[in-house]
Amino acid sequence: MLNREAIEKALRRKGWSKYRLCKEANMAQSTLSDILNGKAKNPNTKTLQKIADALGVSVSDFFDNVEDEDEELPDLENEDTAEMKKLLQIDMR
């Protein structure tokens, strides 16, 4: 999920105004405003790349960690499926 605060944090680290970022990224101020205000729910990847390039960061820096810490992986320890047996089968010939 896009973390808009990460964009603003990178902007502050650079010491730039939003206006300067728009000039450096060659983009409209309204586009940046829509992204930062959440109006643009799913910004174009090319636009995010322009912002990242201008700020000297990676686009991935603008996203929350994909792994959800609360998400549990299924317990397969006692799982006994044909596919698992096939995957784990050792050829003893």
PDB file of N, CA and C in Angstrom:
ATOM      1  N   MET A   1       0.840  -1.175   0.000  1.00  0.00           N
ATOM      2  CA  MET A   1       0.000   0.000   0.000  1.00  0.00           C
ATOM      3  C   MET A   1       0.894   1.250   0.000  1.00  0.00           C
ATOM      4  N   LEU A   2       0.504   2.218  -0.812  1.00  0.00           N
ATOM      5  CA  LEU A   2       1.272   3.453  -0.918  1.00  0.00           C
ATOM      6  C   LEU A   2       1.271   4.194   0.413  1.00  0.00           C
ATOM      7  N   ASN A   3       2.446   4.572   0.869  1.00  0.00           N
ATOM      8  CA  ASN A   3       2.596   5.329   2.105  1.00  0.00           C
ATOM      9  C   ASN A   3       2.935   6.771   1.729  1.00  0.00           C
ATOM     10  N   ARG A   4       1.920   7.598   1.703  1.00  0.00           N
ATOM     11  CA  ARG A   4       2.095   8.991   1.302  1.00  0.00           C
ATOM     12  C   ARG A   4       3.059   9.742   2.217  1.00  0.00           C
ATOM     13  N   GLU A   5       3.054   9.375   3.478  1.00  0.00           N
ATOM     14  CA  GLU A   5       3.958  10.002   4.439  1.00  0.00           C
ATOM     15  C   GLU A   5       5.424   9.741   4.063  1.00  0.00           C
ATOM     16  N   ALA A   6       5.704   8.602   3.454  1.00  0.00           N
ATOM     17  CA  ALA A   6       7.075   8.285   3.043  1.00  0.00           C
ATOM     18  C   ALA A   6       7.552   9.256   1.968  1.00  0.00           C
ATOM     19  N   ILE A   7       6.643   9.665   1.098  1.00  0.00           N
ATOM     20  CA  ILE A   7       6.999  10.648   0.072  1.00  0.00           C
ATOM     21  C   ILE A   7       7.321  11.982   0.736  1.00  0.00           C
ATOM     22  N   GLU A   8       6.470  12.386   1.663  1.00  0.00           N
ATOM     23  CA  GLU A   8       6.697  13.661   2.355  1.00  0.00           C
ATOM     24  C   GLU A   8       7.967  13.618   3.196  1.00  0.00           C
ATOM     25  N   LYS A   9       8.249  12.474   3.794  1.00  0.00           N
ATOM     26  CA  LYS A   9       9.474  12.324   4.592  1.00  0.00           C
ATOM     27  C   LYS A   9      10.711  12.465   3.703  1.00  0.00           C
ATOM     28  N   ALA A  10      10.678  11.831   2.525  1.00  0.00           N
ATOM     29  CA  ALA A  10      11.798  11.946   1.583  1.00  0.00           C
ATOM     30  C   ALA A  10      11.946  13.388   1.113  1.00  0.00           C
ATOM     31  N   LEU A  11      10.839  14.058   0.950  1.00  0.00           N
ATOM     32  CA  LEU A  11      10.837  15.463   0.541  1.00  0.00           C
ATOM     33  C   LEU A  11      11.493  16.333   1.617  1.00  0.00           C
ATOM     34  N   ARG A  12      11.153  16.093   2.876  1.00  0.00           N
ATOM     35  CA  ARG A  12      11.748  16.855   3.986  1.00  0.00           C
ATOM     36  C   ARG A  12      13.242  16.581   4.103  1.00  0.00           C
ATOM     37  N   ARG A  13      13.628  15.296   3.928  1.00  0.00           N
ATOM     38  CA  ARG A  13      15.061  14.953   3.998  1.00  0.00           C
ATOM     39  C   ARG A  13      15.850  15.697   2.948  1.00  0.00           C
ATOM     40  N   LYS A  14      15.256  15.869   1.787  1.00  0.00           N
ATOM     41  CA  LYS A  14      15.913  16.568   0.683  1.00  0.00           C
ATOM     42  C   LYS A  14      15.922  18.085   0.926  1.00  0.00           C
ATOM     43  N   GLY A  15      14.994  18.535   1.776  1.00  0.00           N
ATOM     44  CA  GLY A  15      14.906  19.969   2.067  1.00  0.00           C
ATOM     45  C   GLY A  15      14.193  20.744   0.978  1.00  0.00           C
ATOM     46  N   TRP A  16      13.361  20.063   0.226  1.00  0.00           N
ATOM     47  CA  TRP A  16      12.667  20.691  -0.892  1.00  0.00           C
ATOM     48  C   TRP A  16      11.225  21.022  -0.537  1.00  0.00           C
ATOM     49  N   SER A  17      10.706  22.004  -1.236  1.00  0.00           N
ATOM     50  CA  SER A  17       9.275  22.289  -1.172  1.00  0.00           C
ATOM     51  C   SER A  17       8.566  21.360  -2.154  1.00  0.00           C
ATOM     52  N   LYS A  18       7.261  21.273  -2.028  1.00  0.00           N
ATOM     53  CA  LYS A  18       6.482  20.470  -2.972  1.00  0.00           C
ATOM     54  C   LYS A  18       6.590  21.076  -4.368  1.00  0.00           C
ATOM     55  N   TYR A  19       6.663  22.394  -4.423  1.00  0.00           N
ATOM     56  CA  TYR A  19       6.818  23.084  -5.711  1.00  0.00           C
ATOM     57  C   TYR A  19       8.126  22.661  -6.384  1.00  0.00           C
ATOM     58  N   ARG A  20       9.204  22.627  -5.615  1.00  0.00           N
ATOM     59  CA  ARG A  20      10.509  22.234  -6.172  1.00  0.00           C
ATOM     60  C   ARG A  20      10.477  20.794  -6.673  1.00  0.00           C
ATOM     61  N   LEU A  21       9.845  19.920  -5.895  1.00  0.00           N
ATOM     62  CA  LEU A  21       9.739  18.533  -6.324  1.00  0.00           C
ATOM     63  C   LEU A  21       9.008  18.432  -7.658  1.00  0.00           C
ATOM     64  N   CYS A  22       7.941  19.180  -7.803  1.00  0.00           N
ATOM     65  CA  CYS A  22       7.180  19.146  -9.060  1.00  0.00           C
ATOM     66  C   CYS A  22       8.032  19.626 -10.223  1.00  0.00           C
ATOM     67  N   LYS A  23       8.814  20.652  -9.995  1.00  0.00           N
ATOM     68  CA  LYS A  23       9.693  21.151 -11.056  1.00  0.00           C
ATOM     69  C   LYS A  23      10.766  20.124 -11.402  1.00  0.00           C
ATOM     70  N   GLU A  24      11.387  19.531 -10.388  1.00  0.00           N
ATOM     71  CA  GLU A  24      12.450  18.553 -10.605  1.00  0.00           C
ATOM     72  C   GLU A  24      11.910  17.279 -11.263  1.00  0.00           C
ATOM     73  N   ALA A  25      10.666  16.908 -10.917  1.00  0.00           N
ATOM     74  CA  ALA A  25      10.064  15.688 -11.457  1.00  0.00           C
ATOM     75  C   ALA A  25       9.286  15.952 -12.739  1.00  0.00           C
ATOM     76  N   ASN A  26       9.221  17.213 -13.139  1.00  0.00           N
ATOM     77  CA  ASN A  26       8.499  17.597 -14.353  1.00  0.00           C
ATOM     78  C   ASN A  26       7.046  17.092 -14.322  1.00  0.00           C
ATOM     79  N   MET A  27       6.354  17.507 -13.256  1.00  0.00           N
ATOM     80  CA  MET A  27       4.964  17.085 -13.094  1.00  0.00           C
ATOM     81  C   MET A  27       4.129  18.244 -12.570  1.00  0.00           C
ATOM     82  N   ALA A  28       2.835  18.143 -12.773  1.00  0.00           N
ATOM     83  CA  ALA A  28       1.923  19.189 -12.328  1.00  0.00           C
ATOM     84  C   ALA A  28       1.783  19.167 -10.803  1.00  0.00           C
ATOM     85  N   GLN A  29       1.659  20.340 -10.213  1.00  0.00           N
ATOM     86  CA  GLN A  29       1.478  20.432  -8.772  1.00  0.00           C
ATOM     87  C   GLN A  29       0.192  19.733  -8.339  1.00  0.00           C
ATOM     88  N   SER A  30      -0.826  19.794  -9.181  1.00  0.00           N
ATOM     89  CA  SER A  30      -2.098  19.154  -8.835  1.00  0.00           C
ATOM     90  C   SER A  30      -1.935  17.636  -8.739  1.00  0.00           C
ATOM     91  N   THR A  31      -1.064  17.071  -9.560  1.00  0.00           N
ATOM     92  CA  THR A  31      -0.825  15.628  -9.521  1.00  0.00           C
ATOM     93  C   THR A  31      -0.202  15.234  -8.190  1.00  0.00           C
ATOM     94  N   LEU A  32       0.815  15.967  -7.776  1.00  0.00           N
ATOM     95  CA  LEU A  32       1.459  15.679  -6.495  1.00  0.00           C
ATOM     96  C   LEU A  32       0.473  15.888  -5.353  1.00  0.00           C
ATOM     97  N   SER A  33      -0.290  16.958  -5.431  1.00  0.00           N
ATOM     98  CA  SER A  33      -1.274  17.245  -4.391  1.00  0.00           C
ATOM     99  C   SER A  33      -2.292  16.107  -4.273  1.00  0.00           C
ATOM    100  N   ASP A  34      -2.778  15.624  -5.400  1.00  0.00           N
ATOM    101  CA  ASP A  34      -3.743  14.522  -5.394  1.00  0.00           C
ATOM    102  C   ASP A  34      -3.149  13.260  -4.773  1.00  0.00           C
ATOM    103  N   ILE A  35      -1.875  13.008  -5.040  1.00  0.00           N
ATOM    104  CA  ILE A  35      -1.209  11.831  -4.471  1.00  0.00           C
ATOM    105  C   ILE A  35      -1.068  11.987  -2.963  1.00  0.00           C
ATOM    106  N   LEU A  36      -0.557  13.122  -2.533  1.00  0.00           N
ATOM    107  CA  LEU A  36      -0.301  13.328  -1.113  1.00  0.00           C
ATOM    108  C   LEU A  36      -1.571  13.461  -0.285  1.00  0.00           C
ATOM    109  N   ASN A  37      -2.649  13.933  -0.895  1.00  0.00           N
ATOM    110  CA  ASN A  37      -3.918  14.082  -0.170  1.00  0.00           C
ATOM    111  C   ASN A  37      -4.792  12.844  -0.249  1.00  0.00           C
ATOM    112  N   GLY A  38      -4.338  11.839  -0.969  1.00  0.00           N
ATOM    113  CA  GLY A  38      -5.092  10.596  -1.071  1.00  0.00           C
ATOM    114  C   GLY A  38      -6.195  10.621  -2.111  1.00  0.00           C
ATOM    115  N   LYS A  39      -6.294  11.716  -2.853  1.00  0.00           N
ATOM    116  CA  LYS A  39      -7.306  11.800  -3.898  1.00  0.00           C
ATOM    117  C   LYS A  39      -6.988  10.820  -5.025  1.00  0.00           C
ATOM    118  N   ALA A  40      -5.705  10.680  -5.333  1.00  0.00           N
ATOM    119  CA  ALA A  40      -5.259   9.695  -6.319  1.00  0.00           C
ATOM    120  C   ALA A  40      -4.999   8.398  -5.551  1.00  0.00           C
ATOM    121  N   LYS A  41      -5.966   7.518  -5.559  1.00  0.00           N
ATOM    122  CA  LYS A  41      -5.881   6.283  -4.774  1.00  0.00           C
ATOM    123  C   LYS A  41      -4.822   5.327  -5.303  1.00  0.00           C
ATOM    124  N   ASN A  42      -4.648   5.306  -6.606  1.00  0.00           N
ATOM    125  CA  ASN A  42      -3.719   4.380  -7.236  1.00  0.00           C
ATOM    126  C   ASN A  42      -2.886   5.137  -8.272  1.00  0.00           C
ATOM    127  N   PRO A  43      -1.881   5.906  -7.814  1.00  0.00           N
ATOM    128  CA  PRO A  43      -1.107   6.722  -8.759  1.00  0.00           C
ATOM    129  C   PRO A  43      -0.359   5.882  -9.789  1.00  0.00           C
ATOM    130  N   ASN A  44      -0.183   6.464 -10.945  1.00  0.00           N
ATOM    131  CA  ASN A  44       0.525   5.841 -12.055  1.00  0.00           C
ATOM    132  C   ASN A  44       1.966   5.534 -11.636  1.00  0.00           C
ATOM    133  N   THR A  45       2.467   4.364 -12.020  1.00  0.00           N
ATOM    134  CA  THR A  45       3.830   3.992 -11.643  1.00  0.00           C
ATOM    135  C   THR A  45       4.870   4.916 -12.274  1.00  0.00           C
ATOM    136  N   LYS A  46       4.593   5.422 -13.468  1.00  0.00           N
ATOM    137  CA  LYS A  46       5.527   6.361 -14.101  1.00  0.00           C
ATOM    138  C   LYS A  46       5.637   7.642 -13.282  1.00  0.00           C
ATOM    139  N   THR A  47       4.521   8.080 -12.734  1.00  0.00           N
ATOM    140  CA  THR A  47       4.516   9.282 -11.903  1.00  0.00           C
ATOM    141  C   THR A  47       5.306   9.045 -10.626  1.00  0.00           C
ATOM    142  N   LEU A  48       5.079   7.902  -9.999  1.00  0.00           N
ATOM    143  CA  LEU A  48       5.829   7.578  -8.780  1.00  0.00           C
ATOM    144  C   LEU A  48       7.315   7.456  -9.077  1.00  0.00           C
ATOM    145  N   GLN A  49       7.662   6.929 -10.245  1.00  0.00           N
ATOM    146  CA  GLN A  49       9.071   6.811 -10.621  1.00  0.00           C
ATOM    147  C   GLN A  49       9.700   8.186 -10.795  1.00  0.00           C
ATOM    148  N   LYS A  50       8.963   9.120 -11.384  1.00  0.00           N
ATOM    149  CA  LYS A  50       9.467  10.492 -11.542  1.00  0.00           C
ATOM    150  C   LYS A  50       9.762  11.107 -10.176  1.00  0.00           C
ATOM    151  N   ILE A  51       8.849  10.904  -9.230  1.00  0.00           N
ATOM    152  CA  ILE A  51       9.024  11.452  -7.883  1.00  0.00           C
ATOM    153  C   ILE A  51      10.246  10.810  -7.224  1.00  0.00           C
ATOM    154  N   ALA A  52      10.344   9.487  -7.314  1.00  0.00           N
ATOM    155  CA  ALA A  52      11.468   8.774  -6.704  1.00  0.00           C
ATOM    156  C   ALA A  52      12.798   9.205  -7.312  1.00  0.00           C
ATOM    157  N   ASP A  53      12.846   9.322  -8.624  1.00  0.00           N
ATOM    158  CA  ASP A  53      14.080   9.743  -9.298  1.00  0.00           C
ATOM    159  C   ASP A  53      14.504  11.136  -8.845  1.00  0.00           C
ATOM    160  N   ALA A  54      13.544  12.038  -8.778  1.00  0.00           N
ATOM    161  CA  ALA A  54      13.849  13.413  -8.361  1.00  0.00           C
ATOM    162  C   ALA A  54      14.372  13.451  -6.929  1.00  0.00           C
ATOM    163  N   LEU A  55      13.813  12.609  -6.073  1.00  0.00           N
ATOM    164  CA  LEU A  55      14.209  12.599  -4.662  1.00  0.00           C
ATOM    165  C   LEU A  55      15.411  11.702  -4.391  1.00  0.00           C
ATOM    166  N   GLY A  56      15.832  10.938  -5.410  1.00  0.00           N
ATOM    167  CA  GLY A  56      16.989  10.069  -5.239  1.00  0.00           C
ATOM    168  C   GLY A  56      16.706   8.854  -4.367  1.00  0.00           C
ATOM    169  N   VAL A  57      15.490   8.342  -4.451  1.00  0.00           N
ATOM    170  CA  VAL A  57      15.109   7.163  -3.683  1.00  0.00           C
ATOM    171  C   VAL A  57      14.486   6.133  -4.625  1.00  0.00           C
ATOM    172  N   SER A  58      14.178   4.981  -4.089  1.00  0.00           N
ATOM    173  CA  SER A  58      13.520   3.930  -4.861  1.00  0.00           C
ATOM    174  C   SER A  58      12.004   4.057  -4.705  1.00  0.00           C
ATOM    175  N   VAL A  59      11.271   3.684  -5.725  1.00  0.00           N
ATOM    176  CA  VAL A  59       9.811   3.689  -5.639  1.00  0.00           C
ATOM    177  C   VAL A  59       9.347   2.797  -4.495  1.00  0.00           C
ATOM    178  N   SER A  60      10.049   1.707  -4.262  1.00  0.00           N
ATOM    179  CA  SER A  60       9.656   0.790  -3.189  1.00  0.00           C
ATOM    180  C   SER A  60       9.699   1.458  -1.817  1.00  0.00           C
ATOM    181  N   ASP A  61      10.469   2.539  -1.688  1.00  0.00           N
ATOM    182  CA  ASP A  61      10.511   3.281  -0.425  1.00  0.00           C
ATOM    183  C   ASP A  61       9.168   3.940  -0.109  1.00  0.00           C
ATOM    184  N   PHE A  62       8.325   4.085  -1.107  1.00  0.00           N
ATOM    185  CA  PHE A  62       7.031   4.732  -0.921  1.00  0.00           C
ATOM    186  C   PHE A  62       5.925   3.764  -0.520  1.00  0.00           C
ATOM    187  N   PHE A  63       6.267   2.502  -0.371  1.00  0.00           N
ATOM    188  CA  PHE A  63       5.257   1.500  -0.055  1.00  0.00           C
ATOM    189  C   PHE A  63       5.536   0.853   1.287  1.00  0.00           C
ATOM    190  N   ASP A  64       4.434   0.533   1.981  1.00  0.00           N
ATOM    191  CA  ASP A  64       4.550  -0.191   3.232  1.00  0.00           C
ATOM    192  C   ASP A  64       5.071  -1.578   2.939  1.00  0.00           C
ATOM    193  N   ASN A  65       5.668  -2.179   3.947  1.00  0.00           N
ATOM    194  CA  ASN A  65       6.156  -3.535   3.805  1.00  0.00           C
ATOM    195  C   ASN A  65       5.001  -4.426   3.380  1.00  0.00           C
ATOM    196  N   VAL A  66       5.194  -5.185   2.327  1.00  0.00           N
ATOM    197  CA  VAL A  66       4.141  -6.029   1.767  1.00  0.00           C
ATOM    198  C   VAL A  66       3.726  -7.118   2.748  1.00  0.00           C
ATOM    199  N   GLU A  67       4.670  -7.604   3.518  1.00  0.00           N
ATOM    200  CA  GLU A  67       4.358  -8.671   4.458  1.00  0.00           C
ATOM    201  C   GLU A  67       3.560  -8.108   5.622  1.00  0.00           C
ATOM    202  N   ASP A  68       2.436  -8.702   5.869  1.00  0.00           N
ATOM    203  CA  ASP A  68       1.596  -8.297   6.982  1.00  0.00           C
ATOM    204  C   ASP A  68       2.031  -9.080   8.207  1.00  0.00           C
ATOM    205  N   GLU A  69       2.508  -8.381   9.227  1.00  0.00           N
ATOM    206  CA  GLU A  69       3.021  -9.043  10.411  1.00  0.00           C
ATOM    207  C   GLU A  69       1.956  -9.867  11.111  1.00  0.00           C
ATOM    208  N   ASP A  70       0.691  -9.482  10.975  1.00  0.00           N
ATOM    209  CA  ASP A  70      -0.393 -10.199  11.631  1.00  0.00           C
ATOM    210  C   ASP A  70      -0.827 -11.430  10.851  1.00  0.00           C
ATOM    211  N   GLU A  71      -0.437 -11.509   9.607  1.00  0.00           N
ATOM    212  CA  GLU A  71      -0.840 -12.629   8.768  1.00  0.00           C
ATOM    213  C   GLU A  71      -0.054 -13.866   9.150  1.00  0.00           C
ATOM    214  N   GLU A  72      -0.774 -14.922   9.473  1.00  0.00           N
ATOM    215  CA  GLU A  72      -0.118 -16.159   9.857  1.00  0.00           C
ATOM    216  C   GLU A  72      -0.068 -17.105   8.668  1.00  0.00           C
ATOM    217  N   LEU A  73       1.031 -17.802   8.561  1.00  0.00           N
ATOM    218  CA  LEU A  73       1.160 -18.806   7.524  1.00  0.00           C
ATOM    219  C   LEU A  73       0.452 -20.071   7.992  1.00  0.00           C
ATOM    220  N   PRO A  74      -0.100 -20.820   7.073  1.00  0.00           N
ATOM    221  CA  PRO A  74      -0.790 -22.044   7.477  1.00  0.00           C
ATOM    222  C   PRO A  74       0.196 -23.063   8.049  1.00  0.00           C
ATOM    223  N   ASP A  75      -0.267 -23.825   9.015  1.00  0.00           N
ATOM    224  CA  ASP A  75       0.552 -24.864   9.623  1.00  0.00           C
ATOM    225  C   ASP A  75       0.424 -26.117   8.773  1.00  0.00           C
ATOM    226  N   LEU A  76       1.472 -26.457   8.062  1.00  0.00           N
ATOM    227  CA  LEU A  76       1.439 -27.604   7.169  1.00  0.00           C
ATOM    228  C   LEU A  76       2.195 -28.800   7.726  1.00  0.00           C
ATOM    229  N   GLU A  77       2.595 -28.710   8.982  1.00  0.00           N
ATOM    230  CA  GLU A  77       3.414 -29.763   9.569  1.00  0.00           C
ATOM    231  C   GLU A  77       2.729 -31.127   9.488  1.00  0.00           C
ATOM    232  N   ASN A  78       1.449 -31.193   9.731  1.00  0.00           N
ATOM    233  CA  ASN A  78       0.735 -32.463   9.715  1.00  0.00           C
ATOM    234  C   ASN A  78      -0.077 -32.655   8.438  1.00  0.00           C
ATOM    235  N   GLU A  79       0.146 -31.793   7.476  1.00  0.00           N
ATOM    236  CA  GLU A  79      -0.575 -31.872   6.202  1.00  0.00           C
ATOM    237  C   GLU A  79      -0.089 -33.106   5.436  1.00  0.00           C
ATOM    238  N   ASP A  80      -1.006 -33.873   4.909  1.00  0.00           N
ATOM    239  CA  ASP A  80      -0.650 -35.108   4.235  1.00  0.00           C
ATOM    240  C   ASP A  80      -1.388 -35.162   2.900  1.00  0.00           C
ATOM    241  N   THR A  81      -0.914 -34.400   1.947  1.00  0.00           N
ATOM    242  CA  THR A  81      -1.580 -34.370   0.649  1.00  0.00           C
ATOM    243  C   THR A  81      -0.746 -35.112  -0.376  1.00  0.00           C
ATOM    244  N   ALA A  82      -1.414 -35.527  -1.419  1.00  0.00           N
ATOM    245  CA  ALA A  82      -0.716 -36.254  -2.483  1.00  0.00           C
ATOM    246  C   ALA A  82       0.353 -35.384  -3.127  1.00  0.00           C
ATOM    247  N   GLU A  83       0.050 -34.103  -3.290  1.00  0.00           N
ATOM    248  CA  GLU A  83       1.020 -33.196  -3.923  1.00  0.00           C
ATOM    249  C   GLU A  83       2.266 -33.049  -3.065  1.00  0.00           C
ATOM    250  N   MET A  84       2.086 -32.938  -1.750  1.00  0.00           N
ATOM    251  CA  MET A  84       3.243 -32.812  -0.867  1.00  0.00           C
ATOM    252  C   MET A  84       4.083 -34.080  -0.897  1.00  0.00           C
ATOM    253  N   LYS A  85       3.404 -35.224  -0.920  1.00  0.00           N
ATOM    254  CA  LYS A  85       4.140 -36.485  -0.988  1.00  0.00           C
ATOM    255  C   LYS A  85       4.952 -36.549  -2.274  1.00  0.00           C
ATOM    256  N   LYS A  86       4.332 -36.121  -3.355  1.00  0.00           N
ATOM    257  CA  LYS A  86       5.008 -36.128  -4.650  1.00  0.00           C
ATOM    258  C   LYS A  86       6.236 -35.215  -4.625  1.00  0.00           C
ATOM    259  N   LEU A  87       6.084 -34.040  -4.007  1.00  0.00           N
ATOM    260  CA  LEU A  87       7.193 -33.089  -3.927  1.00  0.00           C
ATOM    261  C   LEU A  87       8.326 -33.605  -3.043  1.00  0.00           C
ATOM    262  N   LEU A  88       7.960 -34.336  -2.020  1.00  0.00           N
ATOM    263  CA  LEU A  88       8.966 -34.790  -1.051  1.00  0.00           C
ATOM    264  C   LEU A  88       9.502 -36.181  -1.345  1.00  0.00           C
ATOM    265  N   GLN A  89       8.938 -36.843  -2.329  1.00  0.00           N
ATOM    266  CA  GLN A  89       9.344 -38.208  -2.656  1.00  0.00           C
ATOM    267  C   GLN A  89      10.805 -38.238  -3.110  1.00  0.00           C
ATOM    268  N   ILE A  90      11.549 -39.154  -2.550  1.00  0.00           N
ATOM    269  CA  ILE A  90      12.968 -39.319  -2.898  1.00  0.00           C
ATOM    270  C   ILE A  90      13.100 -40.563  -3.758  1.00  0.00           C
ATOM    271  N   ASP A  91      13.758 -40.382  -4.872  1.00  0.00           N
ATOM    272  CA  ASP A  91      13.961 -41.514  -5.776  1.00  0.00           C
ATOM    273  C   ASP A  91      15.082 -42.384  -5.211  1.00  0.00           C
ATOM    274  N   MET A  92      14.723 -43.593  -4.758  1.00  0.00           N
ATOM    275  CA  MET A  92      15.689 -44.473  -4.113  1.00  0.00           C
ATOM    276  C   MET A  92      16.224 -45.551  -5.039  1.00  0.00           C
ATOM    277  N   ARG A  93      16.049 -45.388  -6.322  1.00  0.00           N
ATOM    278  CA  ARG A  93      16.533 -46.412  -7.254  1.00  0.00           C
ATOM    279  C   ARG A  93      18.001 -46.507  -7.286  1.00  0.00           C
TER     280      ARG A  93
END
